N, C-alpha and C. Protein backbone atom coordinates (compact mmCIF):
# COMPACT_ATOMS: atom_id res chain seq x y z
N UNK A 1 -19.14 88.37 277.99
CA UNK A 1 -17.66 88.26 277.99
C UNK A 1 -16.94 87.15 278.55
N UNK A 2 -17.81 86.87 279.95
CA UNK A 2 -17.17 86.09 280.51
C UNK A 2 -17.20 84.61 279.90
N UNK A 3 -18.32 84.30 279.13
CA UNK A 3 -18.66 83.00 278.34
C UNK A 3 -17.37 83.07 277.17
N UNK A 4 -17.07 84.15 276.48
CA UNK A 4 -16.35 84.11 275.45
C UNK A 4 -14.68 83.74 276.18
N UNK A 5 -14.56 84.23 277.32
CA UNK A 5 -13.19 83.95 277.94
C UNK A 5 -13.01 82.57 278.23
N UNK A 6 -14.23 81.90 278.68
CA UNK A 6 -14.21 80.43 278.93
C UNK A 6 -14.15 79.78 277.67
N UNK A 7 -14.72 80.04 276.61
CA UNK A 7 -14.65 79.41 275.29
C UNK A 7 -13.12 79.58 274.75
N UNK A 8 -12.45 80.56 274.86
CA UNK A 8 -10.92 80.79 274.63
C UNK A 8 -10.11 79.89 275.30
N UNK A 9 -10.51 79.89 276.53
CA UNK A 9 -9.55 78.80 277.38
C UNK A 9 -9.80 77.38 276.94
N UNK A 10 -10.84 77.19 276.77
CA UNK A 10 -11.07 75.53 276.18
C UNK A 10 -10.39 75.42 274.89
N UNK A 11 -10.71 76.27 273.98
CA UNK A 11 -10.16 76.08 272.62
C UNK A 11 -8.38 76.24 272.76
N UNK A 12 -7.99 76.82 273.63
CA UNK A 12 -6.42 76.94 273.71
C UNK A 12 -6.05 75.53 274.22
N UNK A 13 -6.88 74.82 275.37
CA UNK A 13 -6.61 73.68 275.96
C UNK A 13 -6.67 72.58 274.81
N UNK A 14 -7.69 72.65 273.91
CA UNK A 14 -7.86 71.76 272.87
C UNK A 14 -6.85 71.88 271.91
N UNK A 15 -6.31 73.03 271.52
CA UNK A 15 -5.29 73.12 270.57
C UNK A 15 -4.04 72.72 271.00
N UNK A 16 -3.74 72.65 272.18
CA UNK A 16 -2.41 72.49 272.79
C UNK A 16 -1.94 70.90 272.41
N UNK A 17 -0.54 70.70 272.60
CA UNK A 17 -0.33 69.20 272.33
C UNK A 17 -0.71 68.53 273.46
N UNK A 18 -0.80 67.34 273.38
CA UNK A 18 -1.10 66.33 274.53
C UNK A 18 0.08 66.18 275.41
N UNK A 19 -0.12 66.00 276.52
CA UNK A 19 0.76 65.82 277.58
C UNK A 19 1.57 64.35 277.27
N UNK A 20 2.99 64.37 277.26
CA UNK A 20 3.76 63.02 277.07
C UNK A 20 3.11 62.01 278.02
N UNK A 21 3.09 60.93 277.32
CA UNK A 21 2.70 59.82 278.19
C UNK A 21 1.17 59.71 278.57
N UNK A 22 0.54 60.86 278.13
CA UNK A 22 -0.96 60.70 278.28
C UNK A 22 -1.76 59.96 277.39
N UNK A 23 -2.96 59.58 277.67
CA UNK A 23 -3.53 58.84 276.81
C UNK A 23 -4.44 59.69 275.62
N UNK A 24 -4.66 58.99 274.59
CA UNK A 24 -5.26 59.58 273.56
C UNK A 24 -6.54 60.22 273.89
N UNK A 25 -6.98 61.26 273.53
CA UNK A 25 -8.55 61.74 273.69
C UNK A 25 -9.37 60.91 272.87
N UNK A 26 -8.88 60.30 271.94
CA UNK A 26 -9.79 59.50 270.96
C UNK A 26 -9.59 57.96 271.28
N UNK A 27 -9.02 57.60 272.59
CA UNK A 27 -8.81 56.11 272.83
C UNK A 27 -10.02 55.25 272.94
N UNK A 28 -10.99 56.12 273.49
CA UNK A 28 -12.16 55.48 273.79
C UNK A 28 -13.09 55.14 272.28
N UNK A 29 -12.59 55.53 271.29
CA UNK A 29 -13.01 55.25 270.14
C UNK A 29 -12.28 54.13 269.24
N UNK A 30 -11.17 53.83 269.80
CA UNK A 30 -10.25 52.93 269.11
C UNK A 30 -9.38 53.50 268.21
N UNK A 31 -9.18 55.05 268.50
CA UNK A 31 -8.43 55.70 267.18
C UNK A 31 -7.25 56.35 268.09
N UNK A 32 -6.15 56.39 267.06
CA UNK A 32 -4.79 57.01 267.65
C UNK A 32 -4.89 58.41 268.14
N UNK A 33 -4.08 58.78 269.01
CA UNK A 33 -4.02 60.24 269.29
C UNK A 33 -3.33 61.03 268.10
N UNK A 34 -3.40 62.24 268.21
CA UNK A 34 -2.89 63.04 267.27
C UNK A 34 -1.47 62.90 267.06
N UNK A 35 -0.87 62.45 266.01
CA UNK A 35 0.52 62.27 265.78
C UNK A 35 0.98 60.90 266.15
N UNK A 36 0.03 60.07 267.13
CA UNK A 36 0.62 58.93 267.56
C UNK A 36 0.55 57.76 266.57
N UNK A 37 1.02 56.69 266.81
CA UNK A 37 0.93 55.44 265.92
C UNK A 37 -0.30 54.93 265.87
N UNK A 38 -0.66 54.26 264.55
CA UNK A 38 -2.11 53.56 264.76
C UNK A 38 -1.60 52.36 265.34
N UNK A 39 -2.87 51.97 266.15
CA UNK A 39 -2.70 50.63 266.81
C UNK A 39 -2.61 49.48 265.74
N UNK A 40 -1.98 48.49 266.05
CA UNK A 40 -1.84 47.37 265.21
C UNK A 40 -3.15 46.49 264.94
N UNK A 41 -3.51 46.31 263.80
CA UNK A 41 -4.74 45.67 263.49
C UNK A 41 -4.46 43.99 263.81
N UNK A 42 -5.50 43.62 264.45
CA UNK A 42 -5.37 42.31 264.64
C UNK A 42 -5.42 41.32 263.47
N UNK A 43 -4.98 40.26 263.39
CA UNK A 43 -4.91 39.57 262.09
C UNK A 43 -6.60 38.98 261.81
N UNK A 44 -6.68 38.81 260.48
CA UNK A 44 -8.29 38.49 260.35
C UNK A 44 -8.18 36.85 260.46
N UNK A 45 -9.13 36.34 260.96
CA UNK A 45 -9.12 34.86 261.07
C UNK A 45 -9.50 34.22 259.73
N UNK A 46 -8.86 33.24 259.43
CA UNK A 46 -9.09 32.60 258.04
C UNK A 46 -9.94 31.11 258.43
N UNK A 47 -10.70 30.78 257.53
CA UNK A 47 -11.19 29.34 257.74
C UNK A 47 -10.28 28.45 257.75
N UNK A 48 -10.30 27.52 258.46
CA UNK A 48 -9.27 26.37 258.93
C UNK A 48 -9.11 25.60 257.36
N UNK A 49 -10.20 25.55 256.51
CA UNK A 49 -10.07 24.69 255.37
C UNK A 49 -9.28 25.42 254.33
N UNK A 50 -8.99 26.78 254.50
CA UNK A 50 -8.25 27.48 253.68
C UNK A 50 -6.61 27.55 253.93
N UNK A 51 -6.31 26.87 255.24
CA UNK A 51 -4.90 26.83 255.65
C UNK A 51 -4.39 25.61 255.26
N UNK A 52 -3.06 25.67 254.97
CA UNK A 52 -2.10 24.43 254.61
C UNK A 52 -1.11 24.07 255.51
N UNK A 53 -0.57 22.90 255.45
CA UNK A 53 0.59 22.47 256.16
C UNK A 53 0.68 22.60 257.75
N UNK A 54 1.59 23.15 258.06
CA UNK A 54 1.96 23.42 259.49
C UNK A 54 0.90 24.53 260.34
N UNK A 55 0.60 25.60 259.47
CA UNK A 55 -0.39 26.42 259.73
C UNK A 55 -1.60 25.73 260.09
N UNK A 56 -2.16 24.89 259.30
CA UNK A 56 -3.40 24.01 259.63
C UNK A 56 -3.43 23.27 260.67
N UNK A 57 -2.33 22.49 260.66
CA UNK A 57 -1.89 21.49 262.00
C UNK A 57 -2.02 22.27 263.10
N UNK A 58 -1.43 23.45 263.24
CA UNK A 58 -1.28 24.18 264.43
C UNK A 58 -2.78 24.57 264.92
N UNK A 59 -3.45 25.05 263.88
CA UNK A 59 -4.98 25.69 264.23
C UNK A 59 -5.86 24.31 264.47
N UNK A 60 -5.52 23.18 264.10
CA UNK A 60 -6.45 21.90 264.19
C UNK A 60 -5.97 21.60 265.55
N UNK A 61 -4.60 21.55 266.11
CA UNK A 61 -4.38 21.25 267.47
C UNK A 61 -4.97 22.02 268.56
N UNK A 62 -5.10 23.53 268.26
CA UNK A 62 -5.61 24.29 269.16
C UNK A 62 -7.16 23.99 269.12
N UNK A 63 -7.83 23.81 267.87
CA UNK A 63 -9.20 23.51 267.82
C UNK A 63 -9.64 22.26 268.79
N UNK A 64 -8.66 21.26 268.47
CA UNK A 64 -9.05 20.12 269.33
C UNK A 64 -8.84 20.26 270.73
N UNK A 65 -7.97 21.03 271.19
CA UNK A 65 -7.95 21.35 272.54
C UNK A 65 -9.17 21.90 273.11
N UNK A 66 -9.64 22.76 272.35
CA UNK A 66 -10.91 23.41 272.69
C UNK A 66 -12.15 22.66 272.67
N UNK A 67 -12.12 21.67 271.72
CA UNK A 67 -13.30 20.78 271.67
C UNK A 67 -13.16 19.65 272.63
N UNK A 68 -12.06 19.08 273.05
CA UNK A 68 -11.78 18.07 274.22
C UNK A 68 -11.92 18.64 275.45
N UNK A 69 -11.45 19.83 275.72
CA UNK A 69 -11.23 20.37 276.97
C UNK A 69 -12.49 21.05 277.40
N UNK A 70 -13.27 21.83 276.37
CA UNK A 70 -14.33 22.74 276.74
C UNK A 70 -15.67 22.17 276.33
N UNK A 71 -15.51 22.38 274.87
CA UNK A 71 -16.79 21.91 274.20
C UNK A 71 -17.48 20.67 274.57
N UNK A 72 -16.67 19.46 274.49
CA UNK A 72 -17.60 18.13 274.86
C UNK A 72 -18.06 18.17 276.17
N UNK A 73 -16.74 18.39 277.16
CA UNK A 73 -17.32 17.95 278.43
C UNK A 73 -18.59 18.99 278.90
N UNK A 74 -18.57 20.07 278.33
CA UNK A 74 -19.74 21.06 278.83
C UNK A 74 -21.13 20.67 277.93
N UNK A 75 -20.94 20.61 276.61
CA UNK A 75 -21.98 20.74 275.89
C UNK A 75 -22.21 19.17 275.00
N UNK A 76 -21.47 18.16 275.33
CA UNK A 76 -21.15 17.01 274.59
C UNK A 76 -22.39 16.16 274.65
N UNK A 77 -23.10 16.29 275.76
CA UNK A 77 -24.23 15.45 275.80
C UNK A 77 -24.09 13.82 275.44
N UNK A 78 -24.99 12.95 275.53
CA UNK A 78 -24.86 11.62 275.39
C UNK A 78 -24.92 11.27 273.93
N UNK A 79 -24.08 10.39 273.70
CA UNK A 79 -23.94 9.69 272.30
C UNK A 79 -25.00 8.86 271.79
N UNK A 80 -25.90 9.13 270.99
CA UNK A 80 -27.05 8.34 270.69
C UNK A 80 -27.23 8.32 269.11
N UNK A 81 -28.25 7.53 268.57
CA UNK A 81 -28.37 7.54 267.38
C UNK A 81 -29.09 8.95 266.87
N UNK A 82 -29.68 9.71 267.76
CA UNK A 82 -30.13 10.91 267.52
C UNK A 82 -29.09 12.10 267.64
N UNK A 83 -27.94 11.65 268.10
CA UNK A 83 -26.91 12.69 268.42
C UNK A 83 -25.62 11.90 268.25
N UNK A 84 -25.24 11.51 266.93
CA UNK A 84 -23.87 10.71 266.91
C UNK A 84 -22.66 11.66 266.97
N UNK A 85 -21.49 11.05 267.31
CA UNK A 85 -20.33 11.76 267.36
C UNK A 85 -19.18 10.78 266.84
N UNK A 86 -18.09 11.40 266.53
CA UNK A 86 -16.92 10.64 266.15
C UNK A 86 -15.68 10.88 266.67
N UNK A 87 -15.03 9.94 267.24
CA UNK A 87 -13.81 10.09 267.97
C UNK A 87 -12.67 10.65 266.91
N UNK A 88 -12.96 10.45 265.76
CA UNK A 88 -11.85 10.92 264.75
C UNK A 88 -12.64 12.09 263.99
N UNK A 89 -13.22 13.07 264.54
CA UNK A 89 -13.96 14.11 263.97
C UNK A 89 -13.08 15.10 263.22
N UNK A 90 -11.67 14.88 263.38
CA UNK A 90 -10.78 15.99 262.61
C UNK A 90 -10.52 15.20 261.13
N UNK A 91 -11.12 14.11 260.95
CA UNK A 91 -11.15 13.55 259.36
C UNK A 91 -12.39 14.07 258.71
N UNK A 92 -13.26 14.66 259.22
CA UNK A 92 -14.58 15.05 258.79
C UNK A 92 -14.26 16.39 258.36
N UNK A 93 -14.00 16.93 257.11
CA UNK A 93 -13.62 18.38 256.79
C UNK A 93 -14.90 19.18 257.25
N UNK A 94 -16.10 18.70 256.92
CA UNK A 94 -17.11 19.58 256.99
C UNK A 94 -17.35 19.79 258.55
N UNK A 95 -17.13 18.76 259.54
CA UNK A 95 -17.24 18.91 261.02
C UNK A 95 -16.20 19.83 261.38
N UNK A 96 -14.98 19.68 260.97
CA UNK A 96 -13.78 20.54 261.13
C UNK A 96 -14.29 22.18 260.87
N UNK A 97 -14.74 22.17 259.80
CA UNK A 97 -15.08 23.72 259.44
C UNK A 97 -16.19 24.23 260.35
N UNK A 98 -17.19 23.32 260.57
CA UNK A 98 -18.30 23.73 261.61
C UNK A 98 -17.59 24.12 263.01
N UNK A 99 -16.82 23.15 263.69
CA UNK A 99 -16.33 23.35 264.81
C UNK A 99 -15.39 24.67 264.90
N UNK A 100 -14.62 24.84 263.76
CA UNK A 100 -13.80 25.87 263.87
C UNK A 100 -14.45 27.33 263.83
N UNK A 101 -15.42 27.37 262.97
CA UNK A 101 -16.27 28.59 262.94
C UNK A 101 -16.95 28.75 264.21
N UNK A 102 -17.38 27.73 264.94
CA UNK A 102 -17.96 27.92 266.31
C UNK A 102 -17.09 28.35 267.20
N UNK A 103 -15.74 27.74 267.24
CA UNK A 103 -14.63 28.20 268.03
C UNK A 103 -14.34 29.66 267.85
N UNK A 104 -14.10 30.19 266.50
CA UNK A 104 -13.90 31.50 266.43
C UNK A 104 -15.09 32.48 266.83
N UNK A 105 -16.06 32.10 266.77
CA UNK A 105 -17.26 32.94 267.23
C UNK A 105 -17.16 32.79 268.90
N UNK A 106 -16.81 31.73 269.36
CA UNK A 106 -16.66 31.61 270.82
C UNK A 106 -15.64 32.78 271.48
N UNK A 107 -14.56 32.61 270.70
CA UNK A 107 -13.38 33.66 270.97
C UNK A 107 -13.98 35.23 270.86
N UNK A 108 -14.65 35.13 269.84
CA UNK A 108 -15.19 36.82 269.69
C UNK A 108 -16.15 37.16 270.65
N UNK A 109 -16.94 36.23 271.08
CA UNK A 109 -18.09 36.64 272.09
C UNK A 109 -17.81 36.57 273.64
N UNK A 110 -16.68 35.85 273.96
CA UNK A 110 -16.13 35.83 275.28
C UNK A 110 -15.34 36.99 275.50
N UNK A 111 -14.96 37.62 274.62
CA UNK A 111 -14.16 38.99 274.64
C UNK A 111 -14.92 39.91 275.58
N UNK A 112 -14.22 40.79 276.32
CA UNK A 112 -15.03 41.74 277.18
C UNK A 112 -15.56 42.59 276.25
N UNK A 113 -15.02 43.07 275.13
CA UNK A 113 -15.61 43.96 274.20
C UNK A 113 -16.91 43.50 273.67
N UNK A 114 -17.43 42.22 273.83
CA UNK A 114 -18.53 41.75 273.49
C UNK A 114 -19.68 42.15 274.46
N UNK A 115 -19.48 42.70 275.54
CA UNK A 115 -20.37 42.89 276.36
C UNK A 115 -20.66 41.81 277.19
N UNK A 116 -21.65 42.27 278.22
CA UNK A 116 -21.95 41.10 279.31
C UNK A 116 -22.85 40.18 278.77
N UNK A 117 -23.54 40.26 277.51
CA UNK A 117 -24.34 39.44 276.80
C UNK A 117 -23.57 38.52 275.71
N UNK A 118 -22.33 38.84 275.66
CA UNK A 118 -21.81 38.24 274.48
C UNK A 118 -21.80 36.65 274.43
N UNK A 119 -21.69 36.03 275.71
CA UNK A 119 -21.63 34.50 275.53
C UNK A 119 -23.22 34.00 275.43
N UNK A 120 -24.14 34.92 275.81
CA UNK A 120 -25.70 34.61 275.67
C UNK A 120 -25.85 34.55 273.97
N UNK A 121 -25.37 35.63 273.48
CA UNK A 121 -25.39 35.74 271.97
C UNK A 121 -24.82 34.37 271.42
N UNK A 122 -23.53 34.05 271.71
CA UNK A 122 -22.90 32.81 271.23
C UNK A 122 -23.75 31.62 271.42
N UNK A 123 -24.33 31.39 272.57
CA UNK A 123 -25.28 30.36 272.82
C UNK A 123 -26.47 30.31 271.77
N UNK A 124 -26.95 31.52 271.74
CA UNK A 124 -28.17 31.42 270.90
C UNK A 124 -27.97 31.47 269.66
N UNK A 125 -27.03 32.11 268.99
CA UNK A 125 -26.69 32.30 267.64
C UNK A 125 -25.95 31.26 266.95
N UNK A 126 -25.07 30.65 267.76
CA UNK A 126 -24.07 29.94 267.12
C UNK A 126 -24.04 28.41 267.74
N UNK A 127 -23.76 28.33 268.95
CA UNK A 127 -23.93 27.06 269.37
C UNK A 127 -24.87 25.95 269.19
N UNK A 128 -26.02 26.27 269.44
CA UNK A 128 -27.29 25.63 269.21
C UNK A 128 -27.25 25.19 267.71
N UNK A 129 -27.29 26.03 266.96
CA UNK A 129 -27.49 25.65 265.45
C UNK A 129 -26.34 24.76 264.99
N UNK A 130 -25.12 25.11 265.39
CA UNK A 130 -23.76 24.30 264.79
C UNK A 130 -24.00 22.75 265.46
N UNK A 131 -24.02 22.68 266.82
CA UNK A 131 -24.24 21.31 267.34
C UNK A 131 -25.16 20.50 266.59
N UNK A 132 -26.48 21.21 266.39
CA UNK A 132 -27.63 20.60 265.74
C UNK A 132 -27.29 20.08 264.55
N UNK A 133 -26.48 20.89 263.48
CA UNK A 133 -26.07 20.46 262.22
C UNK A 133 -25.11 19.26 262.39
N UNK A 134 -23.95 19.40 263.23
CA UNK A 134 -23.00 18.45 263.33
C UNK A 134 -23.55 17.06 263.74
N UNK A 135 -24.46 17.25 264.75
CA UNK A 135 -24.69 15.85 265.52
C UNK A 135 -26.26 15.35 264.91
N UNK A 136 -26.69 15.89 263.94
CA UNK A 136 -28.03 15.64 263.41
C UNK A 136 -28.05 14.05 262.92
N UNK A 137 -29.09 13.35 263.25
CA UNK A 137 -29.22 11.93 262.80
C UNK A 137 -28.77 11.66 261.45
N UNK A 138 -29.01 12.67 260.29
CA UNK A 138 -28.52 12.37 259.12
C UNK A 138 -27.45 13.37 258.50
N UNK A 139 -26.57 13.77 259.58
CA UNK A 139 -25.67 14.53 259.50
C UNK A 139 -24.41 13.99 259.16
N UNK A 140 -23.28 14.69 258.96
CA UNK A 140 -22.00 14.36 258.84
C UNK A 140 -21.31 13.08 259.57
N UNK A 141 -21.94 12.96 260.82
CA UNK A 141 -21.33 11.95 261.67
C UNK A 141 -22.33 10.69 261.78
N UNK A 142 -23.39 10.73 261.17
CA UNK A 142 -24.45 9.92 261.18
C UNK A 142 -23.85 8.41 260.96
N UNK A 143 -22.73 8.24 260.23
CA UNK A 143 -22.23 6.91 259.83
C UNK A 143 -21.26 6.57 260.88
N UNK A 144 -21.10 7.49 261.83
CA UNK A 144 -19.90 7.02 262.98
C UNK A 144 -20.64 6.62 264.41
N UNK A 145 -20.13 6.80 265.38
CA UNK A 145 -20.45 6.35 266.65
C UNK A 145 -21.87 6.89 267.31
N UNK A 146 -22.85 5.95 267.31
CA UNK A 146 -24.09 6.18 267.73
C UNK A 146 -24.19 5.61 269.26
N UNK A 147 -23.15 4.90 269.63
CA UNK A 147 -23.28 4.40 271.26
C UNK A 147 -21.85 4.23 271.33
N UNK A 148 -21.31 4.79 272.72
CA UNK A 148 -20.10 4.79 273.26
C UNK A 148 -19.57 3.23 273.37
N UNK A 149 -20.40 2.19 273.52
CA UNK A 149 -19.96 0.76 273.44
C UNK A 149 -19.53 0.41 272.15
N UNK A 150 -19.95 1.05 271.12
CA UNK A 150 -19.47 0.69 269.63
C UNK A 150 -18.95 1.82 268.89
N UNK A 151 -17.63 2.03 269.15
CA UNK A 151 -17.11 3.41 268.44
C UNK A 151 -16.98 2.97 266.96
N UNK A 152 -17.36 3.91 266.18
CA UNK A 152 -17.38 3.53 264.76
C UNK A 152 -16.78 5.00 264.07
N UNK A 153 -16.10 4.75 263.13
CA UNK A 153 -15.67 6.03 262.18
C UNK A 153 -16.00 5.70 260.63
N UNK A 154 -16.74 6.29 259.89
CA UNK A 154 -16.69 6.24 258.42
C UNK A 154 -17.03 7.56 257.87
N UNK A 155 -16.41 8.04 256.80
CA UNK A 155 -16.52 9.12 256.16
C UNK A 155 -17.56 8.99 255.09
N UNK A 156 -18.76 9.67 255.10
CA UNK A 156 -19.76 9.22 254.09
C UNK A 156 -19.41 9.81 252.53
N UNK A 157 -19.74 9.28 251.70
CA UNK A 157 -19.29 9.65 250.20
C UNK A 157 -20.20 10.92 250.05
N UNK A 158 -19.44 11.96 249.32
CA UNK A 158 -20.19 13.13 248.86
C UNK A 158 -20.90 12.87 247.49
N UNK A 159 -21.54 13.93 247.14
CA UNK A 159 -22.33 13.69 245.77
C UNK A 159 -21.23 13.65 244.75
N UNK A 160 -21.76 13.18 243.57
CA UNK A 160 -20.63 13.11 242.48
C UNK A 160 -20.68 14.64 241.86
N UNK A 161 -19.71 14.77 240.81
CA UNK A 161 -19.47 15.92 240.30
C UNK A 161 -20.71 16.43 239.38
N UNK A 162 -20.88 17.73 239.38
CA UNK A 162 -22.21 18.23 238.60
C UNK A 162 -21.78 17.82 237.20
N UNK A 163 -23.05 17.79 236.59
CA UNK A 163 -23.06 17.59 234.96
C UNK A 163 -21.99 18.59 234.14
N UNK A 164 -21.91 19.70 234.62
CA UNK A 164 -21.10 20.83 233.92
C UNK A 164 -19.56 20.36 234.13
N UNK A 165 -19.28 19.74 235.38
CA UNK A 165 -17.81 19.31 235.54
C UNK A 165 -17.69 18.14 234.94
N UNK A 166 -18.59 17.12 234.70
CA UNK A 166 -18.49 16.04 233.98
C UNK A 166 -18.23 16.43 232.50
N UNK A 167 -18.87 17.29 231.99
CA UNK A 167 -18.77 17.59 230.55
C UNK A 167 -17.50 18.48 230.32
N UNK A 168 -16.89 19.28 231.37
CA UNK A 168 -15.68 19.73 230.94
C UNK A 168 -14.48 18.69 231.09
N UNK A 169 -14.66 17.73 232.07
CA UNK A 169 -13.71 16.60 231.95
C UNK A 169 -13.70 15.65 230.68
N UNK A 170 -14.96 15.52 230.34
CA UNK A 170 -15.04 14.60 228.86
C UNK A 170 -14.37 15.44 227.91
N UNK A 171 -14.49 16.94 227.91
CA UNK A 171 -14.06 17.68 226.57
C UNK A 171 -12.47 17.69 226.97
N UNK A 172 -11.97 17.54 227.84
CA UNK A 172 -10.41 17.66 228.27
C UNK A 172 -10.07 16.22 227.73
N UNK A 173 -10.72 15.24 227.92
CA UNK A 173 -10.32 14.01 227.63
C UNK A 173 -10.47 13.53 226.19
N UNK A 174 -11.27 14.52 225.44
CA UNK A 174 -11.33 14.25 224.07
C UNK A 174 -11.07 15.51 223.25
N UNK A 175 -9.89 15.76 223.31
CA UNK A 175 -9.56 17.19 222.64
C UNK A 175 -10.06 17.36 221.14
N UNK A 176 -10.24 16.23 220.43
CA UNK A 176 -10.46 16.30 219.19
C UNK A 176 -12.01 16.67 218.82
N UNK A 177 -12.71 16.50 219.86
CA UNK A 177 -14.20 16.76 219.83
C UNK A 177 -15.02 15.83 219.09
N UNK A 178 -14.45 14.53 218.99
CA UNK A 178 -15.28 13.66 218.28
C UNK A 178 -16.60 12.88 219.28
N UNK A 179 -16.65 13.26 220.43
CA UNK A 179 -17.77 12.81 221.17
C UNK A 179 -17.26 11.48 222.18
N UNK A 180 -16.01 11.13 221.78
CA UNK A 180 -15.67 9.78 222.43
C UNK A 180 -14.67 10.27 223.45
N UNK A 181 -14.86 9.82 224.62
CA UNK A 181 -13.76 10.01 225.73
C UNK A 181 -12.76 8.91 225.50
N UNK A 182 -11.50 9.14 225.76
CA UNK A 182 -10.56 7.89 225.72
C UNK A 182 -9.77 8.20 227.00
N UNK A 183 -8.83 7.07 227.34
CA UNK A 183 -8.10 7.13 228.36
C UNK A 183 -6.64 7.01 227.99
N UNK A 184 -5.77 7.85 228.76
CA UNK A 184 -4.45 7.95 228.61
C UNK A 184 -3.68 6.57 229.27
N UNK A 185 -3.10 6.00 228.43
CA UNK A 185 -2.23 4.80 229.07
C UNK A 185 -0.81 5.11 229.14
N UNK A 186 -0.37 4.46 230.16
CA UNK A 186 0.99 4.69 230.47
C UNK A 186 1.88 3.92 229.42
């Protein structure tokens, strides 16, 4: 009988409305309380190459601050032929994409919710691979600065369009289907 009375008391307590200003019993799970407003969802990060105009410029400015003030002083290492760098890295879209992804991962893994090993995971899973890809001897910066005494910047040409793209372009240029491409003149 005593056990039934205790259970009835617990059920009454659980069924009662929460105290005003009290925390949600579900807060530890990231859930709103009964009848409370849902927490605002954080905006989803978008890859920098998908951004346009002022939004892209603002993101590139913030990324540049992180690269110049944190990444390079700590992880920049010496510039050599084995580890080139470019003072104009913001003009290399592939480097911008790599560094932006690395920065987003850094922000996620330095957050307290990532736990005490969050930054170790960032080092192991993101930093090492990204820096190796960006600064590889044959990587996107290989035609740029390989010695601090000789600053250089050159965008390497990308591969030509695929055969399928070439065929579609030729078909668009030859709508009659004669097999001969022609040029439009002004």
